[in-house]
C-alpha cells in the first residue's frame, strides 16, 4: 500500500507475537510495569514494513523509519480498543498504543527508535550504557563505556543526546573527543563487535589536561 508518498507492506498475522520476543519486549519496558499482563492474551498482530530502499544515508533511513512509524500509529488509532501495544522491532521496545501514537508526531522519536541497556564495569560504581536500534540509522550502535564519572541517569541522557546528534547528521569519527567535565573527556573509538553484536562506536572517559570546547 502507498502512504505519504512511500510504499509499504502491511501483513496481518493470525497469531500472537512469539513468546520469546514478547519476553524481550516486556523485560526492557520498565516504563510499562503491566506490559506482561496486557500483552498476554493478544491473538493477532500487524507487521508494517517499507519497500523503500534506505541505503546508507542516515537521513534516508530516518525518512523510511518515520514513514513506517506513522503508518503503524495510524493503524493503531483505527484499531481503537483492539490495539494493545505498539512494538518497534529494531529497538525491542513496547509501548501502550496511546504512547506509541503520540511519538509518531516527532521527527526523531529517539526513545522509541532506540533503547538503552545498562552495562556493568569492573568496579561496583562503574556503569555504562549501550544503545539498541541505532544501527538501523547509522550502521552501528553507540556504547558509553562503564565509568564512575557520571551517575546512570546523566550517562543515559548524554548517550541519548549524542545519538540524536548523529541521527540528525552529526559527525563523530574514530579518535574524536567530546567534552566531558573538568579534567576529563570522552574519546570515540570504532570497534567491529559490541556487547550485543555488530559494529559499535565506543565512547570512553579519559583524563585531559587541557580545557575542552563544548
Protein backbone atom coordinates (compact mmCIF):
# COMPACT_ATOMS: atom_id res chain seq x y z
CA UNK A 1 0.00 0.00 0.00
CA UNK A 2 1.04 3.62 -0.53
CA UNK A 3 1.03 6.19 2.27
CA UNK A 4 2.53 9.70 2.39
CA UNK A 5 4.49 9.11 -0.80
CA UNK A 6 6.09 5.84 0.34
CA UNK A 7 5.27 2.20 -0.36
CA UNK A 8 4.69 -0.22 2.50
CA UNK A 9 3.74 -3.81 3.16
CA UNK A 10 1.15 -4.42 5.88
CA UNK A 11 0.70 -8.06 6.82
CA UNK A 12 -1.84 -9.42 9.29
CA UNK A 13 -0.57 -12.41 11.23
CA UNK A 14 -3.35 -14.50 12.75
CA UNK A 15 -1.35 -15.44 15.80
CA UNK A 16 0.41 -13.89 18.75
CA UNK A 17 3.91 -12.47 18.58
CA UNK A 18 6.18 -15.40 19.58
CA UNK A 19 6.59 -15.68 23.34
CA UNK A 20 10.42 -15.25 23.38
CA UNK A 21 10.05 -11.95 21.52
CA UNK A 22 7.32 -10.76 23.87
CA UNK A 23 9.52 -11.62 26.84
CA UNK A 24 12.33 -9.48 25.41
CA UNK A 25 9.98 -6.53 24.84
CA UNK A 26 8.47 -6.80 28.31
CA UNK A 27 11.84 -7.13 30.03
CA UNK A 28 13.00 -3.82 28.55
CA UNK A 29 9.74 -1.89 29.11
CA UNK A 30 10.43 -0.54 32.59
CA UNK A 31 8.11 2.39 31.74
CA UNK A 32 5.19 -0.05 31.39
CA UNK A 33 5.02 -2.26 34.51
CA UNK A 34 1.86 -4.08 33.45
CA UNK A 35 3.08 -4.93 29.94
CA UNK A 36 3.33 -8.65 30.66
CA UNK A 37 -0.31 -8.88 31.70
CA UNK A 38 -1.65 -6.60 28.98
CA UNK A 39 0.14 -8.45 26.17
CA UNK A 40 -0.50 -11.96 27.46
CA UNK A 41 -3.80 -12.60 25.66
CA UNK A 42 -3.31 -10.93 22.28
CA UNK A 43 -4.24 -13.24 19.39
CA UNK A 44 -3.00 -11.46 16.25
CA UNK A 45 -0.69 -8.69 15.12
CA UNK A 46 0.11 -6.47 12.15
CA UNK A 47 3.59 -6.23 10.65
CA UNK A 48 4.36 -2.93 8.89
CA UNK A 49 7.47 -2.64 6.73
CA UNK A 50 8.68 -0.43 3.93
CA UNK A 51 9.65 -1.23 0.35
CA UNK A 52 11.75 1.90 0.19
CA UNK A 53 15.50 1.44 -0.07
CA UNK A 54 17.00 3.40 2.80
CA UNK A 55 20.54 2.98 1.50
CA UNK A 56 23.43 4.02 3.72
CA UNK A 57 22.38 7.60 4.31
CA UNK A 58 21.14 8.34 7.81
CA UNK A 59 18.59 10.86 6.55
CA UNK A 60 17.02 8.33 4.17
CA UNK A 61 16.93 5.67 6.87
CA UNK A 62 15.17 8.11 9.20
CA UNK A 63 12.66 9.01 6.48
CA UNK A 64 11.81 5.35 5.91
CA UNK A 65 11.54 4.64 9.65
CA UNK A 66 9.37 7.72 10.16
CA UNK A 67 7.02 6.51 7.43
CA UNK A 68 6.72 3.05 8.99
CA UNK A 69 6.06 4.51 12.43
CA UNK A 70 3.39 6.96 11.24
CA UNK A 71 1.54 4.32 9.25
CA UNK A 72 1.69 1.90 12.19
CA UNK A 73 0.41 4.64 14.51
CA UNK A 74 -2.46 5.37 12.14
CA UNK A 75 -3.43 1.70 12.08
CA UNK A 76 -3.23 1.56 15.88
CA UNK A 77 -5.56 4.54 16.13
CA UNK A 78 -8.06 2.95 13.76
CA UNK A 79 -7.95 -0.30 15.72
CA UNK A 80 -9.15 1.52 18.81
CA UNK A 81 -9.52 -0.76 21.85
CA UNK A 82 -8.42 -3.77 19.79
CA UNK A 83 -4.85 -2.45 19.78
CA UNK A 84 -2.96 -3.49 22.92
CA UNK A 85 0.57 -2.30 22.09
CA UNK A 86 2.90 -0.77 19.56
CA UNK A 87 6.19 -2.66 19.12
CA UNK A 88 9.35 -1.36 17.42
CA UNK A 89 11.38 -4.41 16.43
CA UNK A 90 14.83 -2.86 15.95
CA UNK A 91 15.00 -1.47 19.46
CA UNK A 92 12.79 -4.17 21.03
CA UNK A 93 10.65 -1.52 22.73
CA UNK A 94 6.97 -1.94 23.60
CA UNK A 95 4.54 0.91 24.18
CA UNK A 96 0.95 1.40 25.14
CA UNK A 97 -1.00 2.33 21.97
CA UNK A 98 -1.56 5.94 23.07
CA UNK A 99 2.15 6.44 23.80
CA UNK A 100 3.13 4.79 20.52
CA UNK A 101 0.79 7.07 18.57
CA UNK A 102 1.99 10.17 20.43
CA UNK A 103 5.62 9.53 19.49
CA UNK A 104 4.74 9.23 15.82
CA UNK A 105 4.34 13.01 15.61
CA UNK A 106 8.02 13.55 16.45
CA UNK A 107 10.59 13.95 13.69
CA UNK A 108 13.10 11.94 15.73
CA UNK A 109 11.29 9.74 18.28
CA UNK A 110 14.62 8.57 19.66
CA UNK A 111 13.13 6.94 22.77
CA UNK A 112 11.12 4.60 20.56
CA UNK A 113 13.65 4.02 17.79
CA UNK A 114 16.42 3.31 20.28
CA UNK A 115 16.66 1.61 23.65
CA UNK A 116 19.40 1.83 26.26
CA UNK A 117 20.83 -1.19 28.05
CA UNK A 118 22.94 -0.86 31.19
CA UNK A 119 26.49 -2.20 31.29
CA UNK A 120 28.39 -3.05 34.46
CA UNK A 121 32.05 -2.17 34.90
CA UNK A 122 34.83 -3.84 36.85
CA UNK A 123 34.14 -1.73 39.93
CA UNK A 124 30.66 -1.58 41.54
CA UNK A 125 30.40 2.17 40.96
CA UNK A 126 31.16 1.90 37.23
CA UNK A 127 28.14 1.91 34.91
CA UNK A 128 27.88 2.21 31.14
CA UNK A 129 25.10 2.16 28.56
CA UNK A 130 24.71 0.64 25.10
CA UNK A 131 22.09 1.52 22.52
CA UNK A 132 19.91 -0.98 20.70
CA UNK A 133 18.29 0.00 17.41
CA UNK A 134 20.63 2.84 16.45
CA UNK A 135 22.29 0.60 13.86
CA UNK A 136 19.19 0.95 11.68
CA UNK A 137 20.21 4.57 11.06
CA UNK A 138 24.00 4.61 11.49
CA UNK A 139 25.09 1.06 10.72
CA UNK A 140 26.38 0.75 14.29
CA UNK A 141 25.32 1.16 17.90
CA UNK A 142 26.69 3.56 20.49
CA UNK A 143 28.36 2.42 23.70
CA UNK A 144 29.27 4.64 26.64
CA UNK A 145 31.93 2.53 28.33
CA UNK A 146 31.45 1.87 32.07
CA UNK A 147 32.66 4.79 34.15
CA UNK A 148 32.20 6.38 37.56
CA UNK A 149 32.41 9.91 36.13
CA UNK A 150 28.62 10.28 35.71
CA UNK A 151 25.63 8.74 37.51
CA UNK A 152 23.49 6.39 35.38
CA UNK A 153 20.73 8.97 34.77
CA UNK A 154 23.13 11.58 33.41
CA UNK A 155 25.01 8.96 31.42
CA UNK A 156 21.77 7.86 29.75
CA UNK A 157 20.84 11.47 28.92
CA UNK A 158 24.30 12.10 27.47
CA UNK A 159 24.13 8.94 25.36
CA UNK A 160 20.68 9.88 24.06
CA UNK A 161 21.78 13.41 23.13
CA UNK A 162 24.82 12.10 21.24
CA UNK A 163 22.70 9.50 19.45
CA UNK A 164 20.20 12.18 18.42
CA UNK A 165 23.05 14.39 17.19
CA UNK A 166 24.31 11.54 14.99
CA UNK A 167 20.83 10.68 13.71
CA UNK A 168 20.38 14.31 12.68
CA UNK A 169 23.52 14.16 10.54
CA UNK A 170 26.24 14.95 13.07
CA UNK A 171 29.71 13.53 12.61
CA UNK A 172 31.78 11.64 15.18
CA UNK A 173 34.83 9.83 13.90
CA UNK A 174 37.31 7.38 15.31
CA UNK A 175 39.63 9.25 17.64
CA UNK A 176 37.41 12.32 18.06
CA UNK A 177 36.84 13.72 21.54
CA UNK A 178 33.77 15.18 23.25
CA UNK A 179 33.85 17.42 26.30
CA UNK A 180 33.07 15.58 29.50
CA UNK A 181 33.73 17.52 32.67
CA UNK A 182 36.55 19.31 34.39
CA UNK A 183 39.72 17.35 33.75
CA UNK A 184 38.19 14.62 31.56
CA UNK A 185 36.72 13.96 28.13
CA UNK A 186 35.13 11.25 26.00
CA UNK A 187 37.26 9.53 23.36
CA UNK A 188 35.48 7.82 20.43
CA UNK A 189 36.73 4.51 19.05
CA UNK A 190 35.09 2.27 16.47
CA UNK A 191 35.00 -1.48 17.08
CA UNK A 192 33.69 -4.23 14.80
CA UNK A 193 31.93 -6.06 17.63
CA UNK A 194 29.93 -4.70 20.57
CA UNK A 195 28.20 -6.23 23.61
CA UNK A 196 25.09 -7.07 21.54
CA UNK A 197 26.94 -7.99 18.37
CA UNK A 198 27.60 -5.76 15.36
CA UNK A 199 29.75 -2.68 14.96
CA UNK A 200 29.83 -0.06 17.71
CA UNK A 201 31.20 3.39 18.42
CA UNK A 202 32.59 3.27 21.95
CA UNK A 203 32.98 6.45 24.00
CA UNK A 204 35.39 6.06 26.89
CA UNK A 205 36.13 8.59 29.62
CA UNK A 206 39.75 9.68 29.86
CA UNK A 207 41.70 12.33 31.71
CA UNK A 208 42.75 15.50 29.94
CA UNK A 209 44.98 18.32 30.99
CA UNK A 210 43.52 20.83 28.55
CA UNK A 211 40.14 22.60 28.62
CA UNK A 212 37.69 21.10 26.11
CA UNK A 213 35.37 23.01 23.85
CA UNK A 214 31.66 22.41 24.40
